[in-house]
Amino acid sequence: MAMPEYQQRVIHEKNELNYKLLKLCKFFSTDVFNSLPEDEKDRLHRQAKYMAEYIGVLAERIFNFPQGNAE
């Protein structure tokens, strides 16, 4: 049975967000990041935190798809 399109979109969204979060986390160890003002660093760290939480929600949704774990 083929996976419904909306489920495929959720998986795609999670994969894209994982990639973006990985890139952001790598950015944290760059000279550019280190040269930013502290308030901007804080915003970027908060952004990463919220992205990780969002990924967690998407993972829960995927795990609970009727077909089971579709990852």
C-alpha atoms as a PDB file:
ATOM      1  CA  MET A   1       0.000   0.000   0.000  1.00  0.00           C
ATOM      2  CA  ALA A   2       1.420   3.376  -1.026  1.00  0.00           C
ATOM      3  CA  MET A   3       1.990   5.997   1.606  1.00  0.00           C
ATOM      4  CA  PRO A   4      -0.470   8.931   1.390  1.00  0.00           C
ATOM      5  CA  GLU A   5       0.938  12.136  -0.030  1.00  0.00           C
ATOM      6  CA  TYR A   6       0.474  14.084   3.206  1.00  0.00           C
ATOM      7  CA  GLN A   7       2.616  11.526   5.029  1.00  0.00           C
ATOM      8  CA  GLN A   8       5.298  11.804   2.375  1.00  0.00           C
ATOM      9  CA  ARG A   9       5.253  15.596   2.836  1.00  0.00           C
ATOM     10  CA  VAL A  10       5.713  15.244   6.600  1.00  0.00           C
ATOM     11  CA  ILE A  11       8.709  12.943   6.086  1.00  0.00           C
ATOM     12  CA  HIS A  12      10.166  15.323   3.503  1.00  0.00           C
ATOM     13  CA  GLU A  13       9.662  18.293   5.836  1.00  0.00           C
ATOM     14  CA  LYS A  14      11.412  16.460   8.686  1.00  0.00           C
ATOM     15  CA  ASN A  15      14.335  15.504   6.450  1.00  0.00           C
ATOM     16  CA  GLU A  16      14.728  19.090   5.201  1.00  0.00           C
ATOM     17  CA  LEU A  17      14.558  20.475   8.715  1.00  0.00           C
ATOM     18  CA  ASN A  18      17.146  17.936   9.915  1.00  0.00           C
ATOM     19  CA  TYR A  19      19.486  19.110   7.151  1.00  0.00           C
ATOM     20  CA  LYS A  20      18.951  22.786   8.007  1.00  0.00           C
ATOM     21  CA  LEU A  21      19.514  22.160  11.707  1.00  0.00           C
ATOM     22  CA  LEU A  22      22.725  20.270  10.959  1.00  0.00           C
ATOM     23  CA  LYS A  23      23.968  23.218   8.885  1.00  0.00           C
ATOM     24  CA  LEU A  24      23.038  25.663  11.637  1.00  0.00           C
ATOM     25  CA  CYS A  25      24.838  23.595  14.267  1.00  0.00           C
ATOM     26  CA  LYS A  26      27.956  23.483  12.088  1.00  0.00           C
ATOM     27  CA  PHE A  27      27.720  27.268  11.736  1.00  0.00           C
ATOM     28  CA  PHE A  28      28.038  27.571  15.519  1.00  0.00           C
ATOM     29  CA  SER A  29      31.698  26.553  15.280  1.00  0.00           C
ATOM     30  CA  THR A  30      32.665  29.126  12.658  1.00  0.00           C
ATOM     31  CA  ASP A  31      34.533  32.403  12.987  1.00  0.00           C
ATOM     32  CA  VAL A  32      31.536  34.204  11.484  1.00  0.00           C
ATOM     33  CA  PHE A  33      29.272  32.950  14.257  1.00  0.00           C
ATOM     34  CA  ASN A  34      31.857  33.849  16.884  1.00  0.00           C
ATOM     35  CA  SER A  35      32.032  37.400  15.519  1.00  0.00           C
ATOM     36  CA  LEU A  36      28.294  37.994  15.915  1.00  0.00           C
ATOM     37  CA  PRO A  37      26.836  40.049  18.744  1.00  0.00           C
ATOM     38  CA  GLU A  38      25.770  38.019  21.766  1.00  0.00           C
ATOM     39  CA  ASP A  39      22.072  38.751  21.264  1.00  0.00           C
ATOM     40  CA  GLU A  40      22.214  37.367  17.715  1.00  0.00           C
ATOM     41  CA  LYS A  41      24.055  34.250  18.925  1.00  0.00           C
ATOM     42  CA  ASP A  42      21.314  33.775  21.497  1.00  0.00           C
ATOM     43  CA  ARG A  43      18.613  34.053  18.819  1.00  0.00           C
ATOM     44  CA  LEU A  44      20.374  31.474  16.658  1.00  0.00           C
ATOM     45  CA  HIS A  45      20.715  29.080  19.595  1.00  0.00           C
ATOM     46  CA  ARG A  46      17.025  29.508  20.370  1.00  0.00           C
ATOM     47  CA  GLN A  47      16.218  28.920  16.710  1.00  0.00           C
ATOM     48  CA  ALA A  48      18.163  25.641  16.811  1.00  0.00           C
ATOM     49  CA  LYS A  49      16.317  24.608  19.972  1.00  0.00           C
ATOM     50  CA  TYR A  50      12.918  25.250  18.384  1.00  0.00           C
ATOM     51  CA  MET A  51      13.935  23.491  15.202  1.00  0.00           C
ATOM     52  CA  ALA A  52      14.929  20.419  17.237  1.00  0.00           C
ATOM     53  CA  GLU A  53      11.599  20.484  19.058  1.00  0.00           C
ATOM     54  CA  TYR A  54       9.750  20.761  15.744  1.00  0.00           C
ATOM     55  CA  ILE A  55      11.735  17.796  14.400  1.00  0.00           C
ATOM     56  CA  GLY A  56      10.665  15.857  17.487  1.00  0.00           C
ATOM     57  CA  VAL A  57       6.995  16.582  16.825  1.00  0.00           C
ATOM     58  CA  LEU A  58       7.355  15.540  13.191  1.00  0.00           C
ATOM     59  CA  ALA A  59       9.113  12.330  14.281  1.00  0.00           C
ATOM     60  CA  GLU A  60       6.229  11.533  16.639  1.00  0.00           C
ATOM     61  CA  ARG A  61       3.738  12.080  13.843  1.00  0.00           C
ATOM     62  CA  ILE A  62       5.708   9.823  11.508  1.00  0.00           C
ATOM     63  CA  PHE A  63       6.037   7.118  14.152  1.00  0.00           C
ATOM     64  CA  ASN A  64       2.279   7.172  14.635  1.00  0.00           C
ATOM     65  CA  PHE A  65       1.303   6.951  10.985  1.00  0.00           C
ATOM     66  CA  PRO A  66      -1.148   4.041  10.516  1.00  0.00           C
ATOM     67  CA  GLN A  67       1.528   2.039   8.628  1.00  0.00           C
ATOM     68  CA  GLY A  68       3.846   2.280  11.624  1.00  0.00           C
ATOM     69  CA  ASN A  69       7.260   3.862  11.583  1.00  0.00           C
ATOM     70  CA  ALA A  70       7.556   5.164   8.026  1.00  0.00           C
ATOM     71  CA  GLU A  71      11.040   6.682   8.336  1.00  0.00           C
END
